[in-house]
Amino acid sequence: MKRRSLIQGAAAAALGVPHLAGLAQQSLTLKFHTFMSPMSNVWQMMHLPWMQKVEKESGGRIKFEAYPAMQLGGTPVQLYDQARDGVVDIIWTVCGSTAGRFNRIEVFELPFIMNNAEATSKAYWEYFQTQCPDEFKETHVLALHVHGPGMIHTVKKLVKSPADLRGMKVRGPTRQVTKLLGAIGATPVGMPLPGIPDALSKGTIDGCAIPWEVVPAVKVNELCKFHSEFDHTGPALYTTTFVMAMNKPKYDSLAPDLKKVIDANSGLATSAWLGKTQQANDVLGRKTTEDTPGNTFYTFTQAEREQFIKLSSSIDDDWVADMDKRGYKGKELLAAAKSLIAKNA
């Protein structure tokens, strides 16, 4: 009897091995890494809710280790490669952190091309799918989006016209935005977001170009006393492109049902939600700045907007020419992006 029981138990165990292995694959922990501060609106209202939604829809079988503020080491420039190489599982970063690496999607960072972040984020996803599906081929892309309209924030001088920017060192997030800043009269300084507070405090820069929503996260409401903005009746000065990407082997290794959970929280709808949420947070960032003593605001007139547009108009042509040199059809890419923005708007 004892021998028979042992044999039956061994057989059951042998039969159960694939089942147990399957169960082991049903649950996993993913490392999410980004440069954003844990107190930022992006982290609190975009990243954490996304992770919580995935955890809930997976029945707790997907869990996250969340690492803001580059807590796992490296610099913002290295985030995409961390996902590619499997150092982490999922990253969120600025595409333009590495100048010229993702050059075809830079079309969405050209001057005065966007206004609404939700519409432009939808266009960005569709453009990626139809015009450059290999742009992020080293990873599995989860979402692509942009932020709300970029603004100009300065320490000592209120900017009311392009002429006021002459001689001022102004931080820009990507190469297209730094080109824009140079075209409108500033001395552009490329710099990742986390470097802004120190650079402003030390006088390394005289101002920065960022949207309202991220202002409190980098203390620009305290360090800059002058804030110049364009109203929402026309196109925005600029925006920045973001990518949320996953390590490809990790995604491919997911059990089919867990892959469906990730897929349900990726793509067009998720990209649109991220863009919409980030622009909605502009209201909070501006309110914080209003509540900080000593701040002065200026809204450019339509005539002044036209001055900026005229000065920066050659940047589109330069980008088209650059794409042509790289073997892409620049005019067609630019037309496609504008068409998709208009469609989604």
C-alpha atoms as a PDB file:
ATOM      1  CA  MET A   1       0.000   0.000   0.000  1.00  0.00           C
ATOM      2  CA  LYS A   2       2.775   2.367   0.957  1.00  0.00           C
ATOM      3  CA  ARG A   3       4.730   1.542  -2.219  1.00  0.00           C
ATOM      4  CA  ARG A   4       1.629   2.062  -4.369  1.00  0.00           C
ATOM      5  CA  SER A   5       0.967   5.415  -2.726  1.00  0.00           C
ATOM      6  CA  LEU A   6       4.531   6.542  -3.368  1.00  0.00           C
ATOM      7  CA  ILE A   7       4.278   5.523  -7.040  1.00  0.00           C
ATOM      8  CA  GLN A   8       0.944   7.307  -7.430  1.00  0.00           C
ATOM      9  CA  GLY A   9       2.316  10.384  -5.711  1.00  0.00           C
ATOM     10  CA  ALA A  10       5.373  10.415  -7.933  1.00  0.00           C
ATOM     11  CA  ALA A  11       3.216  10.069 -11.022  1.00  0.00           C
ATOM     12  CA  ALA A  12       0.947  12.876  -9.892  1.00  0.00           C
ATOM     13  CA  ALA A  13       3.936  15.070  -9.192  1.00  0.00           C
ATOM     14  CA  ALA A  14       5.389  14.286 -12.600  1.00  0.00           C
ATOM     15  CA  LEU A  15       2.107  15.127 -14.286  1.00  0.00           C
ATOM     16  CA  GLY A  16       1.835  18.260 -12.205  1.00  0.00           C
ATOM     17  CA  VAL A  17       5.232  19.659 -13.111  1.00  0.00           C
ATOM     18  CA  PRO A  18       4.044  21.422 -16.294  1.00  0.00           C
ATOM     19  CA  HIS A  19       1.010  22.683 -14.424  1.00  0.00           C
ATOM     20  CA  LEU A  20       3.155  24.062 -11.596  1.00  0.00           C
ATOM     21  CA  ALA A  21       5.537  25.605 -14.087  1.00  0.00           C
ATOM     22  CA  GLY A  22       2.574  27.204 -15.795  1.00  0.00           C
ATOM     23  CA  LEU A  23       1.366  28.611 -12.514  1.00  0.00           C
ATOM     24  CA  ALA A  24       4.820  30.046 -11.874  1.00  0.00           C
ATOM     25  CA  GLN A  25       4.640  31.870 -15.183  1.00  0.00           C
ATOM     26  CA  GLN A  26       1.268  33.331 -14.324  1.00  0.00           C
ATOM     27  CA  SER A  27       2.711  35.800 -11.835  1.00  0.00           C
ATOM     28  CA  LEU A  28       5.656  38.132 -12.158  1.00  0.00           C
ATOM     29  CA  THR A  29       7.095  41.393 -10.887  1.00  0.00           C
ATOM     30  CA  LEU A  30       8.086  44.103 -13.352  1.00  0.00           C
ATOM     31  CA  LYS A  31      10.565  46.891 -12.648  1.00  0.00           C
ATOM     32  CA  PHE A  32       9.332  50.308 -13.822  1.00  0.00           C
ATOM     33  CA  HIS A  33      12.044  52.978 -14.060  1.00  0.00           C
ATOM     34  CA  THR A  34      11.925  56.672 -14.932  1.00  0.00           C
ATOM     35  CA  PHE A  35      13.571  60.003 -14.168  1.00  0.00           C
ATOM     36  CA  MET A  36      10.426  61.722 -12.899  1.00  0.00           C
ATOM     37  CA  SER A  37      10.280  62.780  -9.253  1.00  0.00           C
ATOM     38  CA  PRO A  38       8.036  60.692  -6.969  1.00  0.00           C
ATOM     39  CA  MET A  39       6.177  63.904  -6.132  1.00  0.00           C
ATOM     40  CA  SER A  40       5.609  64.920  -9.754  1.00  0.00           C
ATOM     41  CA  ASN A  41       2.184  64.967 -11.375  1.00  0.00           C
ATOM     42  CA  VAL A  42       3.436  62.552 -14.032  1.00  0.00           C
ATOM     43  CA  TRP A  43       4.395  59.979 -11.425  1.00  0.00           C
ATOM     44  CA  GLN A  44       1.379  60.459  -9.183  1.00  0.00           C
ATOM     45  CA  MET A  45      -1.339  60.788 -11.826  1.00  0.00           C
ATOM     46  CA  MET A  46       0.012  58.830 -14.784  1.00  0.00           C
ATOM     47  CA  HIS A  47       2.604  56.229 -13.885  1.00  0.00           C
ATOM     48  CA  LEU A  48       1.192  54.977 -10.587  1.00  0.00           C
ATOM     49  CA  PRO A  49      -2.423  54.768 -11.838  1.00  0.00           C
ATOM     50  CA  TRP A  50      -1.252  52.868 -14.921  1.00  0.00           C
ATOM     51  CA  MET A  51       0.622  50.335 -12.803  1.00  0.00           C
ATOM     52  CA  GLN A  52      -2.303  49.991 -10.399  1.00  0.00           C
ATOM     53  CA  LYS A  53      -4.688  49.365 -13.287  1.00  0.00           C
ATOM     54  CA  VAL A  54      -2.466  46.650 -14.741  1.00  0.00           C
ATOM     55  CA  GLU A  55      -2.106  44.995 -11.335  1.00  0.00           C
ATOM     56  CA  LYS A  56      -5.871  45.041 -10.782  1.00  0.00           C
ATOM     57  CA  GLU A  57      -6.773  43.731 -14.234  1.00  0.00           C
ATOM     58  CA  SER A  58      -4.231  40.929 -13.895  1.00  0.00           C
ATOM     59  CA  GLY A  59      -5.812  39.805 -10.653  1.00  0.00           C
ATOM     60  CA  GLY A  60      -2.598  40.627  -8.833  1.00  0.00           C
ATOM     61  CA  ARG A  61      -0.526  38.297 -10.994  1.00  0.00           C
ATOM     62  CA  ILE A  62       1.409  41.258 -12.389  1.00  0.00           C
ATOM     63  CA  LYS A  63       3.075  43.371  -9.737  1.00  0.00           C
ATOM     64  CA  PHE A  64       5.422  46.310 -10.056  1.00  0.00           C
ATOM     65  CA  GLU A  65       8.548  47.521  -8.367  1.00  0.00           C
ATOM     66  CA  ALA A  66       8.312  51.248  -9.021  1.00  0.00           C
ATOM     67  CA  TYR A  67      11.485  53.306  -9.237  1.00  0.00           C
ATOM     68  CA  PRO A  68      11.133  57.065  -9.912  1.00  0.00           C
ATOM     69  CA  ALA A  69      13.965  59.598  -9.940  1.00  0.00           C
ATOM     70  CA  MET A  70      16.509  57.193 -11.529  1.00  0.00           C
ATOM     71  CA  GLN A  71      16.622  55.155  -8.313  1.00  0.00           C
ATOM     72  CA  LEU A  72      18.098  52.158 -10.134  1.00  0.00           C
ATOM     73  CA  GLY A  73      21.010  54.243 -11.369  1.00  0.00           C
ATOM     74  CA  GLY A  74      22.101  55.689 -14.660  1.00  0.00           C
ATOM     75  CA  THR A  75      20.927  58.892 -16.309  1.00  0.00           C
ATOM     76  CA  PRO A  76      17.727  59.794 -18.188  1.00  0.00           C
ATOM     77  CA  VAL A  77      19.664  59.395 -21.449  1.00  0.00           C
ATOM     78  CA  GLN A  78      20.230  55.711 -20.611  1.00  0.00           C
ATOM     79  CA  LEU A  79      16.636  54.748 -19.804  1.00  0.00           C
ATOM     80  CA  TYR A  80      15.676  53.438 -23.234  1.00  0.00           C
ATOM     81  CA  ASP A  81      18.774  51.241 -23.360  1.00  0.00           C
ATOM     82  CA  GLN A  82      17.984  49.925 -19.884  1.00  0.00           C
ATOM     83  CA  ALA A  83      14.689  48.571 -21.241  1.00  0.00           C
ATOM     84  CA  ARG A  84      16.376  47.288 -24.396  1.00  0.00           C
ATOM     85  CA  ASP A  85      19.061  45.468 -22.411  1.00  0.00           C
ATOM     86  CA  GLY A  86      16.762  44.078 -19.723  1.00  0.00           C
ATOM     87  CA  VAL A  87      18.311  46.061 -16.881  1.00  0.00           C
ATOM     88  CA  VAL A  88      14.699  47.036 -16.135  1.00  0.00           C
ATOM     89  CA  ASP A  89      11.409  45.839 -17.580  1.00  0.00           C
ATOM     90  CA  ILE A  90       9.545  49.067 -18.385  1.00  0.00           C
ATOM     91  CA  ILE A  91      10.736  52.649 -18.817  1.00  0.00           C
ATOM     92  CA  TRP A  92       9.160  56.029 -19.501  1.00  0.00           C
ATOM     93  CA  THR A  93      11.389  58.688 -20.970  1.00  0.00           C
ATOM     94  CA  VAL A  94      11.804  61.644 -23.323  1.00  0.00           C
ATOM     95  CA  CYS A  95      12.553  60.375 -26.826  1.00  0.00           C
ATOM     96  CA  GLY A  96      14.767  63.346 -27.559  1.00  0.00           C
ATOM     97  CA  SER A  97      17.091  62.665 -24.622  1.00  0.00           C
ATOM     98  CA  THR A  98      19.362  61.044 -27.184  1.00  0.00           C
ATOM     99  CA  ALA A  99      19.634  63.622 -29.962  1.00  0.00           C
ATOM    100  CA  GLY A 100      18.830  62.263 -33.396  1.00  0.00           C
ATOM    101  CA  ARG A 101      18.212  58.674 -32.302  1.00  0.00           C
ATOM    102  CA  PHE A 102      14.471  58.658 -32.946  1.00  0.00           C
ATOM    103  CA  ASN A 103      14.550  61.229 -35.701  1.00  0.00           C
ATOM    104  CA  ARG A 104      11.307  60.445 -37.547  1.00  0.00           C
ATOM    105  CA  ILE A 105       9.088  61.085 -34.524  1.00  0.00           C
ATOM    106  CA  GLU A 106      10.772  64.461 -33.982  1.00  0.00           C
ATOM    107  CA  VAL A 107       8.162  65.799 -36.386  1.00  0.00           C
ATOM    108  CA  PHE A 108       5.856  66.217 -33.363  1.00  0.00           C
ATOM    109  CA  GLU A 109       8.429  68.448 -31.669  1.00  0.00           C
ATOM    110  CA  LEU A 110       8.570  70.948 -34.514  1.00  0.00           C
ATOM    111  CA  PRO A 111       7.475  74.512 -33.653  1.00  0.00           C
ATOM    112  CA  PHE A 112       3.777  75.334 -33.544  1.00  0.00           C
ATOM    113  CA  ILE A 113       2.633  71.958 -34.855  1.00  0.00           C
ATOM    114  CA  MET A 114       0.334  71.030 -31.969  1.00  0.00           C
ATOM    115  CA  ASN A 115      -2.161  72.431 -29.497  1.00  0.00           C
ATOM    116  CA  ASN A 116      -4.015  69.562 -27.845  1.00  0.00           C
ATOM    117  CA  ALA A 117      -1.936  66.806 -26.227  1.00  0.00           C
ATOM    118  CA  GLU A 118      -4.654  64.146 -26.406  1.00  0.00           C
ATOM    119  CA  ALA A 119      -5.195  64.626 -30.145  1.00  0.00           C
ATOM    120  CA  THR A 120      -1.486  64.854 -30.859  1.00  0.00           C
ATOM    121  CA  SER A 121      -0.766  61.730 -28.794  1.00  0.00           C
ATOM    122  CA  LYS A 122      -3.305  59.798 -30.871  1.00  0.00           C
ATOM    123  CA  ALA A 123      -1.695  61.145 -34.015  1.00  0.00           C
ATOM    124  CA  TYR A 124       1.743  60.204 -32.681  1.00  0.00           C
ATOM    125  CA  TRP A 125       0.641  56.578 -32.106  1.00  0.00           C
ATOM    126  CA  GLU A 126      -0.980  56.312 -35.542  1.00  0.00           C
ATOM    127  CA  TYR A 127       2.063  57.901 -37.186  1.00  0.00           C
ATOM    128  CA  PHE A 128       4.317  55.361 -35.479  1.00  0.00           C
ATOM    129  CA  GLN A 129       2.124  52.509 -36.677  1.00  0.00           C
ATOM    130  CA  THR A 130       1.853  53.711 -40.267  1.00  0.00           C
ATOM    131  CA  GLN A 131       4.996  55.728 -41.009  1.00  0.00           C
ATOM    132  CA  CYS A 132       7.828  54.341 -38.866  1.00  0.00           C
ATOM    133  CA  PRO A 133       6.921  51.044 -37.157  1.00  0.00           C
ATOM    134  CA  ASP A 134      10.631  50.257 -36.783  1.00  0.00           C
ATOM    135  CA  GLU A 135      11.480  53.479 -34.928  1.00  0.00           C
ATOM    136  CA  PHE A 136      11.553  51.695 -31.541  1.00  0.00           C
ATOM    137  CA  LYS A 137      12.315  48.205 -32.868  1.00  0.00           C
ATOM    138  CA  GLU A 138      14.658  47.336 -29.990  1.00  0.00           C
ATOM    139  CA  THR A 139      11.809  47.335 -27.459  1.00  0.00           C
ATOM    140  CA  HIS A 140       8.102  46.594 -27.223  1.00  0.00           C
ATOM    141  CA  VAL A 141       6.329  49.960 -27.265  1.00  0.00           C
ATOM    142  CA  LEU A 142       3.469  50.359 -24.797  1.00  0.00           C
ATOM    143  CA  ALA A 143       2.487  53.998 -25.362  1.00  0.00           C
ATOM    144  CA  LEU A 144       3.598  57.181 -27.097  1.00  0.00           C
ATOM    145  CA  HIS A 145       2.421  60.653 -26.138  1.00  0.00           C
ATOM    146  CA  VAL A 146       3.215  64.346 -25.833  1.00  0.00           C
ATOM    147  CA  HIS A 147       2.738  66.926 -23.109  1.00  0.00           C
ATOM    148  CA  GLY A 148       0.696  70.118 -23.149  1.00  0.00           C
ATOM    149  CA  PRO A 149       1.911  73.408 -24.656  1.00  0.00           C
ATOM    150  CA  GLY A 150       5.443  74.412 -23.733  1.00  0.00           C
ATOM    151  CA  MET A 151       5.994  77.783 -22.019  1.00  0.00           C
ATOM    152  CA  ILE A 152       8.948  80.083 -21.329  1.00  0.00           C
ATOM    153  CA  HIS A 153      10.004  80.667 -17.716  1.00  0.00           C
ATOM    154  CA  THR A 154      12.772  83.127 -16.834  1.00  0.00           C
ATOM    155  CA  VAL A 155      14.588  84.279 -13.699  1.00  0.00           C
ATOM    156  CA  LYS A 156      15.225  88.005 -14.061  1.00  0.00           C
ATOM    157  CA  LYS A 157      13.428  89.313 -17.136  1.00  0.00           C
ATOM    158  CA  LEU A 158       9.891  89.050 -18.504  1.00  0.00           C
ATOM    159  CA  VAL A 159       9.796  87.850 -22.107  1.00  0.00           C
ATOM    160  CA  LYS A 160       7.225  89.737 -24.191  1.00  0.00           C
ATOM    161  CA  SER A 161       8.795  89.276 -27.622  1.00  0.00           C
ATOM    162  CA  PRO A 162      11.548  87.306 -29.352  1.00  0.00           C
ATOM    163  CA  ALA A 163      13.833  90.322 -28.899  1.00  0.00           C
ATOM    164  CA  ASP A 164      13.647  89.881 -25.120  1.00  0.00           C
ATOM    165  CA  LEU A 165      15.310  86.465 -25.417  1.00  0.00           C
ATOM    166  CA  ARG A 166      18.536  87.802 -26.909  1.00  0.00           C
ATOM    167  CA  GLY A 167      21.489  86.968 -24.725  1.00  0.00           C
ATOM    168  CA  MET A 168      19.455  84.696 -22.459  1.00  0.00           C
ATOM    169  CA  LYS A 169      20.559  81.094 -21.884  1.00  0.00           C
ATOM    170  CA  VAL A 170      17.387  79.021 -22.007  1.00  0.00           C
ATOM    171  CA  ARG A 171      17.139  75.295 -21.385  1.00  0.00           C
ATOM    172  CA  GLY A 172      15.446  73.094 -23.987  1.00  0.00           C
ATOM    173  CA  PRO A 173      14.584  69.383 -23.649  1.00  0.00           C
ATOM    174  CA  THR A 174      15.426  68.091 -27.145  1.00  0.00           C
ATOM    175  CA  ARG A 175      17.415  69.067 -30.219  1.00  0.00           C
ATOM    176  CA  GLN A 176      14.356  70.357 -32.097  1.00  0.00           C
ATOM    177  CA  VAL A 177      13.344  72.549 -29.166  1.00  0.00           C
ATOM    178  CA  THR A 178      16.868  73.877 -28.745  1.00  0.00           C
ATOM    179  CA  LYS A 179      16.863  74.724 -32.465  1.00  0.00           C
ATOM    180  CA  LEU A 180      13.603  76.567 -31.901  1.00  0.00           C
ATOM    181  CA  LEU A 181      15.038  78.513 -28.968  1.00  0.00           C
ATOM    182  CA  GLY A 182      18.037  79.510 -31.066  1.00  0.00           C
ATOM    183  CA  ALA A 183      15.828  80.584 -33.958  1.00  0.00           C
ATOM    184  CA  ILE A 184      13.740  82.897 -31.763  1.00  0.00           C
ATOM    185  CA  GLY A 185      16.777  84.604 -30.267  1.00  0.00           C
ATOM    186  CA  ALA A 186      17.822  82.717 -27.149  1.00  0.00           C
ATOM    187  CA  THR A 187      21.081  80.918 -26.482  1.00  0.00           C
ATOM    188  CA  PRO A 188      19.841  77.322 -26.248  1.00  0.00           C
ATOM    189  CA  VAL A 189      21.108  74.897 -23.621  1.00  0.00           C
ATOM    190  CA  GLY A 190      20.186  71.231 -23.920  1.00  0.00           C
ATOM    191  CA  MET A 191      19.509  69.690 -20.532  1.00  0.00           C
ATOM    192  CA  PRO A 192      17.462  66.831 -19.002  1.00  0.00           C
ATOM    193  CA  LEU A 193      14.624  67.917 -16.726  1.00  0.00           C
ATOM    194  CA  PRO A 194      16.273  66.930 -13.400  1.00  0.00           C
ATOM    195  CA  GLY A 195      19.156  69.331 -14.076  1.00  0.00           C
ATOM    196  CA  ILE A 196      16.952  72.431 -14.223  1.00  0.00           C
ATOM    197  CA  PRO A 197      16.786  73.414 -10.511  1.00  0.00           C
ATOM    198  CA  ASP A 198      20.554  73.347 -10.005  1.00  0.00           C
ATOM    199  CA  ALA A 199      21.213  75.168 -13.285  1.00  0.00           C
ATOM    200  CA  LEU A 200      18.730  77.924 -12.424  1.00  0.00           C
ATOM    201  CA  SER A 201      20.075  78.272  -8.879  1.00  0.00           C
ATOM    202  CA  LYS A 202      23.671  78.600 -10.068  1.00  0.00           C
ATOM    203  CA  GLY A 203      22.842  80.908 -12.972  1.00  0.00           C
ATOM    204  CA  THR A 204      24.033  78.387 -15.542  1.00  0.00           C
ATOM    205  CA  ILE A 205      20.781  79.130 -17.369  1.00  0.00           C
ATOM    206  CA  ASP A 206      18.550  82.212 -17.310  1.00  0.00           C
ATOM    207  CA  GLY A 207      15.337  80.314 -17.953  1.00  0.00           C
ATOM    208  CA  CYS A 208      13.780  77.157 -19.299  1.00  0.00           C
ATOM    209  CA  ALA A 209      11.115  75.934 -21.686  1.00  0.00           C
ATOM    210  CA  ILE A 210       8.749  73.476 -19.997  1.00  0.00           C
ATOM    211  CA  PRO A 211       4.972  72.958 -19.771  1.00  0.00           C
ATOM    212  CA  TRP A 212       3.023  74.131 -16.734  1.00  0.00           C
ATOM    213  CA  GLU A 213       2.385  70.670 -15.321  1.00  0.00           C
ATOM    214  CA  VAL A 214       6.020  69.937 -14.486  1.00  0.00           C
ATOM    215  CA  VAL A 215       6.835  73.392 -13.075  1.00  0.00           C
ATOM    216  CA  PRO A 216       6.319  72.461  -9.378  1.00  0.00           C
ATOM    217  CA  ALA A 217       8.310  69.215  -9.715  1.00  0.00           C
ATOM    218  CA  VAL A 218      11.476  71.146 -10.592  1.00  0.00           C
ATOM    219  CA  LYS A 219      10.656  74.219  -8.446  1.00  0.00           C
ATOM    220  CA  VAL A 220      10.489  76.566 -11.424  1.00  0.00           C
ATOM    221  CA  ASN A 221       7.608  78.363  -9.691  1.00  0.00           C
ATOM    222  CA  GLU A 222      10.141  79.337  -6.985  1.00  0.00           C
ATOM    223  CA  LEU A 223      13.267  79.786  -9.089  1.00  0.00           C
ATOM    224  CA  CYS A 224      11.731  81.710 -12.010  1.00  0.00           C
ATOM    225  CA  LYS A 225       9.691  84.827 -11.379  1.00  0.00           C
ATOM    226  CA  PHE A 226       8.573  85.474 -14.962  1.00  0.00           C
ATOM    227  CA  HIS A 227       6.355  83.205 -17.036  1.00  0.00           C
ATOM    228  CA  SER A 228       5.409  83.821 -20.675  1.00  0.00           C
ATOM    229  CA  GLU A 229       2.732  81.735 -22.368  1.00  0.00           C
ATOM    230  CA  PHE A 230       0.685  81.402 -25.534  1.00  0.00           C
ATOM    231  CA  ASP A 231      -3.067  81.078 -25.173  1.00  0.00           C
ATOM    232  CA  HIS A 232      -4.883  77.969 -26.395  1.00  0.00           C
ATOM    233  CA  THR A 233      -6.619  79.595 -29.363  1.00  0.00           C
ATOM    234  CA  GLY A 234      -3.700  78.792 -31.639  1.00  0.00           C
ATOM    235  CA  PRO A 235      -0.804  76.360 -31.980  1.00  0.00           C
ATOM    236  CA  ALA A 236       1.596  75.849 -29.092  1.00  0.00           C
ATOM    237  CA  LEU A 237       5.234  76.910 -29.050  1.00  0.00           C
ATOM    238  CA  TYR A 238       6.342  73.279 -28.845  1.00  0.00           C
ATOM    239  CA  THR A 239       5.770  69.914 -27.219  1.00  0.00           C
ATOM    240  CA  THR A 240       7.983  66.947 -26.342  1.00  0.00           C
ATOM    241  CA  THR A 241       7.612  63.289 -27.305  1.00  0.00           C
ATOM    242  CA  PHE A 242       7.653  60.477 -24.756  1.00  0.00           C
ATOM    243  CA  VAL A 243       7.847  56.701 -25.019  1.00  0.00           C
ATOM    244  CA  MET A 244       6.793  54.043 -22.524  1.00  0.00           C
ATOM    245  CA  ALA A 245       8.554  50.881 -23.594  1.00  0.00           C
ATOM    246  CA  MET A 246       9.019  47.328 -22.318  1.00  0.00           C
ATOM    247  CA  ASN A 247      11.900  44.912 -22.668  1.00  0.00           C
ATOM    248  CA  LYS A 248      11.012  42.807 -25.710  1.00  0.00           C
ATOM    249  CA  PRO A 249      12.076  39.370 -24.362  1.00  0.00           C
ATOM    250  CA  LYS A 250      10.161  40.053 -21.140  1.00  0.00           C
ATOM    251  CA  TYR A 251       7.010  40.914 -23.081  1.00  0.00           C
ATOM    252  CA  ASP A 252       7.407  37.902 -25.355  1.00  0.00           C
ATOM    253  CA  SER A 253       7.774  35.620 -22.323  1.00  0.00           C
ATOM    254  CA  LEU A 254       4.433  36.643 -20.813  1.00  0.00           C
ATOM    255  CA  ALA A 255       1.672  34.076 -20.499  1.00  0.00           C
ATOM    256  CA  PRO A 256      -1.035  34.762 -23.111  1.00  0.00           C
ATOM    257  CA  ASP A 257      -3.588  36.045 -20.595  1.00  0.00           C
ATOM    258  CA  LEU A 258      -1.080  38.396 -18.969  1.00  0.00           C
ATOM    259  CA  LYS A 259       0.036  39.603 -22.374  1.00  0.00           C
ATOM    260  CA  LYS A 260      -3.596  40.517 -23.027  1.00  0.00           C
ATOM    261  CA  VAL A 261      -3.620  42.632 -19.862  1.00  0.00           C
ATOM    262  CA  ILE A 262      -0.537  44.534 -20.996  1.00  0.00           C
ATOM    263  CA  ASP A 263      -2.000  44.930 -24.495  1.00  0.00           C
ATOM    264  CA  ALA A 264      -5.265  46.271 -23.058  1.00  0.00           C
ATOM    265  CA  ASN A 265      -3.247  48.987 -21.325  1.00  0.00           C
ATOM    266  CA  SER A 266      -1.149  49.899 -24.349  1.00  0.00           C
ATOM    267  CA  GLY A 267      -1.640  51.490 -27.728  1.00  0.00           C
ATOM    268  CA  LEU A 268      -3.826  54.325 -28.982  1.00  0.00           C
ATOM    269  CA  ALA A 269      -6.199  54.638 -26.021  1.00  0.00           C
ATOM    270  CA  THR A 270      -3.425  54.558 -23.432  1.00  0.00           C
ATOM    271  CA  SER A 271      -1.356  57.047 -25.417  1.00  0.00           C
ATOM    272  CA  ALA A 272      -4.352  59.394 -25.618  1.00  0.00           C
ATOM    273  CA  TRP A 273      -5.039  59.029 -21.883  1.00  0.00           C
ATOM    274  CA  LEU A 274      -1.429  59.840 -20.992  1.00  0.00           C
ATOM    275  CA  GLY A 275      -1.433  62.941 -23.207  1.00  0.00           C
ATOM    276  CA  LYS A 276      -4.800  64.114 -21.929  1.00  0.00           C
ATOM    277  CA  THR A 277      -3.830  63.579 -18.299  1.00  0.00           C
ATOM    278  CA  GLN A 278      -0.524  65.369 -18.655  1.00  0.00           C
ATOM    279  CA  GLN A 279      -2.071  68.428 -20.278  1.00  0.00           C
ATOM    280  CA  ALA A 280      -4.869  68.474 -17.686  1.00  0.00           C
ATOM    281  CA  ASN A 281      -2.170  68.787 -15.045  1.00  0.00           C
ATOM    282  CA  ASP A 282      -1.132  72.113 -16.600  1.00  0.00           C
ATOM    283  CA  VAL A 283      -3.939  73.688 -14.579  1.00  0.00           C
ATOM    284  CA  LEU A 284      -2.399  72.444 -11.326  1.00  0.00           C
ATOM    285  CA  GLY A 285       1.087  73.590 -12.287  1.00  0.00           C
ATOM    286  CA  ARG A 286      -0.087  77.057 -13.229  1.00  0.00           C
ATOM    287  CA  LYS A 287      -2.172  77.370 -10.055  1.00  0.00           C
ATOM    288  CA  THR A 288       0.860  76.471  -7.943  1.00  0.00           C
ATOM    289  CA  THR A 289       2.830  79.163  -9.738  1.00  0.00           C
ATOM    290  CA  GLU A 290       0.052  81.697  -9.196  1.00  0.00           C
ATOM    291  CA  ASP A 291       0.046  80.856  -5.493  1.00  0.00           C
ATOM    292  CA  THR A 292       3.815  81.357  -5.212  1.00  0.00           C
ATOM    293  CA  PRO A 293       4.536  84.985  -4.198  1.00  0.00           C
ATOM    294  CA  GLY A 294       6.300  87.273  -6.645  1.00  0.00           C
ATOM    295  CA  ASN A 295       5.448  85.611  -9.936  1.00  0.00           C
ATOM    296  CA  THR A 296       4.556  87.636 -13.050  1.00  0.00           C
ATOM    297  CA  PHE A 297       2.669  86.276 -16.062  1.00  0.00           C
ATOM    298  CA  TYR A 298       2.490  87.395 -19.664  1.00  0.00           C
ATOM    299  CA  THR A 299       0.317  86.068 -22.511  1.00  0.00           C
ATOM    300  CA  PHE A 300       1.599  86.712 -26.030  1.00  0.00           C
ATOM    301  CA  THR A 301      -0.775  88.384 -28.462  1.00  0.00           C
ATOM    302  CA  GLN A 302      -1.650  86.801 -31.771  1.00  0.00           C
ATOM    303  CA  ALA A 303       0.635  89.272 -33.543  1.00  0.00           C
ATOM    304  CA  GLU A 304       3.491  88.265 -31.239  1.00  0.00           C
ATOM    305  CA  ARG A 305       2.743  84.590 -31.877  1.00  0.00           C
ATOM    306  CA  GLU A 306       3.101  85.295 -35.595  1.00  0.00           C
ATOM    307  CA  GLN A 307       6.543  86.781 -34.912  1.00  0.00           C
ATOM    308  CA  PHE A 308       7.648  83.565 -33.229  1.00  0.00           C
ATOM    309  CA  ILE A 309       6.158  81.445 -36.023  1.00  0.00           C
ATOM    310  CA  LYS A 310       7.944  83.468 -38.703  1.00  0.00           C
ATOM    311  CA  LEU A 311      11.317  83.260 -36.955  1.00  0.00           C
ATOM    312  CA  SER A 312      11.070  79.493 -36.472  1.00  0.00           C
ATOM    313  CA  SER A 313       9.561  78.589 -39.844  1.00  0.00           C
ATOM    314  CA  SER A 314      12.830  77.316 -41.328  1.00  0.00           C
ATOM    315  CA  ILE A 315      13.084  74.543 -38.734  1.00  0.00           C
ATOM    316  CA  ASP A 316      10.429  72.503 -40.562  1.00  0.00           C
ATOM    317  CA  ASP A 317      12.446  72.770 -43.782  1.00  0.00           C
ATOM    318  CA  ASP A 318      15.638  71.776 -41.975  1.00  0.00           C
ATOM    319  CA  TRP A 319      13.953  68.698 -40.525  1.00  0.00           C
ATOM    320  CA  VAL A 320      12.559  67.687 -43.921  1.00  0.00           C
ATOM    321  CA  ALA A 321      16.019  68.061 -45.457  1.00  0.00           C
ATOM    322  CA  ASP A 322      17.534  65.984 -42.646  1.00  0.00           C
ATOM    323  CA  MET A 323      14.999  63.216 -43.215  1.00  0.00           C
ATOM    324  CA  ASP A 324      15.726  63.258 -46.943  1.00  0.00           C
ATOM    325  CA  LYS A 325      19.447  62.837 -46.243  1.00  0.00           C
ATOM    326  CA  ARG A 326      18.659  59.839 -44.032  1.00  0.00           C
ATOM    327  CA  GLY A 327      16.733  58.189 -46.849  1.00  0.00           C
ATOM    328  CA  TYR A 328      13.216  59.082 -45.691  1.00  0.00           C
ATOM    329  CA  LYS A 329      10.671  61.218 -47.494  1.00  0.00           C
ATOM    330  CA  GLY A 330      10.619  64.245 -45.234  1.00  0.00           C
ATOM    331  CA  LYS A 331       7.751  66.139 -46.843  1.00  0.00           C
ATOM    332  CA  GLU A 332       5.529  63.065 -46.774  1.00  0.00           C
ATOM    333  CA  LEU A 333       6.316  62.411 -43.109  1.00  0.00           C
ATOM    334  CA  LEU A 334       5.557  66.027 -42.160  1.00  0.00           C
ATOM    335  CA  ALA A 335       2.314  65.993 -44.153  1.00  0.00           C
ATOM    336  CA  ALA A 336       1.289  62.695 -42.543  1.00  0.00           C
ATOM    337  CA  ALA A 337       1.882  64.040 -39.044  1.00  0.00           C
ATOM    338  CA  LYS A 338      -0.099  67.223 -39.702  1.00  0.00           C
ATOM    339  CA  SER A 339      -2.920  65.252 -41.281  1.00  0.00           C
ATOM    340  CA  LEU A 340      -3.148  62.856 -38.327  1.00  0.00           C
ATOM    341  CA  ILE A 341      -3.133  65.731 -35.833  1.00  0.00           C
ATOM    342  CA  ALA A 342      -5.958  67.420 -37.733  1.00  0.00           C
ATOM    343  CA  LYS A 343      -7.912  64.169 -37.963  1.00  0.00           C
ATOM    344  CA  ASN A 344      -7.681  63.466 -34.238  1.00  0.00           C
ATOM    345  CA  ALA A 345      -8.413  67.053 -33.315  1.00  0.00           C
END
